[in-house]
Protein backbone atom coordinates (compact mmCIF):
# COMPACT_ATOMS: atom_id res chain seq x y z
CA UNK A 1 -80.94 113.26 93.04
CA UNK A 2 -79.88 116.91 91.68
CA UNK A 3 -76.13 116.96 91.18
CA UNK A 4 -75.34 119.66 93.29
CA UNK A 5 -76.36 121.73 97.05
CA UNK A 6 -76.06 123.97 98.12
CA UNK A 7 -74.86 124.42 101.61
CA UNK A 8 -75.23 127.93 103.98
CA UNK A 9 -76.51 130.73 101.83
CA UNK A 10 -73.75 130.80 99.07
CA UNK A 11 -71.01 127.22 99.51
CA UNK A 12 -72.46 124.74 96.76
CA UNK A 13 -71.16 120.53 97.61
CA UNK A 14 -70.66 119.39 93.41
CA UNK A 15 -71.12 115.57 92.46
CA UNK A 16 -68.78 115.04 89.98
CA UNK A 17 -67.36 111.99 86.84
CA UNK A 18 -64.40 113.09 86.04
CA UNK A 19 -62.50 112.13 82.40
CA UNK A 20 -59.12 113.03 82.97
CA UNK A 21 -56.39 113.38 79.50
CA UNK A 22 -60.08 115.05 77.26
CA UNK A 23 -58.79 116.84 73.92
CA UNK A 24 -59.88 120.00 76.17
CA UNK A 25 -61.33 120.94 79.94
CA UNK A 26 -65.22 121.41 79.40
CA UNK A 27 -68.65 119.84 81.12
CA UNK A 28 -69.75 116.80 79.24
CA UNK A 29 -73.43 117.20 80.51
CA UNK A 30 -74.93 114.45 83.50
CA UNK A 31 -73.69 111.11 84.21
CA UNK A 32 -76.27 109.85 86.20
CA UNK A 33 -76.15 112.05 89.31
CA UNK A 34 -72.77 113.93 87.79
CA UNK A 35 -72.32 116.83 86.03
CA UNK A 36 -69.24 115.62 83.92
CA UNK A 37 -66.55 117.17 83.07
CA UNK A 38 -63.35 116.13 80.85
CA UNK A 39 -60.30 116.97 81.81
CA UNK A 40 -57.06 118.01 79.04
CA UNK A 41 -54.99 117.25 82.16
CA UNK A 42 -53.49 113.41 82.57
CA UNK A 43 -54.57 111.49 86.24
CA UNK A 44 -50.46 111.93 86.29
CA UNK A 45 -49.65 112.66 90.50
CA UNK A 46 -52.80 114.68 91.66
CA UNK A 47 -52.08 117.12 88.38
CA UNK A 48 -55.87 116.51 87.32
CA UNK A 49 -56.92 116.84 90.37
CA UNK A 50 -55.02 119.81 90.71
CA UNK A 51 -56.45 120.84 86.93
CA UNK A 52 -59.92 120.40 87.93
CA UNK A 53 -59.57 122.77 91.11
CA UNK A 54 -58.14 125.29 88.92
CA UNK A 55 -60.74 124.93 86.00
CA UNK A 56 -64.06 124.42 88.36
CA UNK A 57 -62.46 128.51 90.62
CA UNK A 58 -62.03 130.31 86.84
CA UNK A 59 -66.22 129.13 86.22
CA UNK A 60 -67.09 130.32 89.59
CA UNK A 61 -64.99 133.31 89.92
CA UNK A 62 -63.34 132.82 93.09
CA UNK A 63 -59.82 132.53 94.54
CA UNK A 64 -58.76 128.38 94.22
CA UNK A 65 -58.35 127.86 98.15
CA UNK A 66 -62.30 128.14 98.44
CA UNK A 67 -62.33 125.34 96.12
CA UNK A 68 -61.56 121.87 98.69
CA UNK A 69 -61.36 118.41 97.16
CA UNK A 70 -63.84 116.46 99.75
CA UNK A 71 -64.11 113.27 98.52
CA UNK A 72 -62.85 111.31 95.99
CA UNK A 73 -58.72 112.09 95.68
CA UNK A 74 -58.16 108.97 93.45
CA UNK A 75 -61.59 108.53 91.66
CA UNK A 76 -62.95 109.88 89.26
CA UNK A 77 -66.45 110.73 90.99
CA UNK A 78 -65.46 113.71 93.09
CA UNK A 79 -67.21 116.00 95.87
CA UNK A 80 -65.88 118.88 95.67
CA UNK A 81 -67.05 122.30 97.49
CA UNK A 82 -66.90 125.25 96.61
CA UNK A 83 -67.32 128.58 99.19
CA UNK A 84 -68.48 132.16 98.78
CA UNK A 85 -69.43 132.26 95.31
CA UNK A 86 -71.93 134.08 93.57
CA UNK A 87 -72.68 132.40 90.65
CA UNK A 88 -75.25 128.59 91.27
CA UNK A 89 -73.89 125.36 89.06
CA UNK A 90 -77.34 125.87 86.97
CA UNK A 91 -76.09 128.75 85.54
CA UNK A 92 -72.90 128.21 84.55
CA UNK A 93 -73.42 124.62 83.42
CA UNK A 94 -76.17 123.72 80.81
CA UNK A 95 -77.47 120.92 81.04
């Protein structure tokens, strides 16, 4: 199973495994069927979720409102939708 899938023409659904509290924010390869992302933000009061969404918006070069947390608000495993991206996840994150 791939860690992302395309929905429609330019929307992507990403399955992610998040490691909050890291030294810096960066992708860290695959974790099972999910892309592992290390986040510098702490998992306190939603700060890690906001940092993740901002990081993904920057990576995909889309406005923040086009990045939606679909599942996993209080879990390390998250499903995120990137809307209307010109970039494919496999072109941004080398495995």
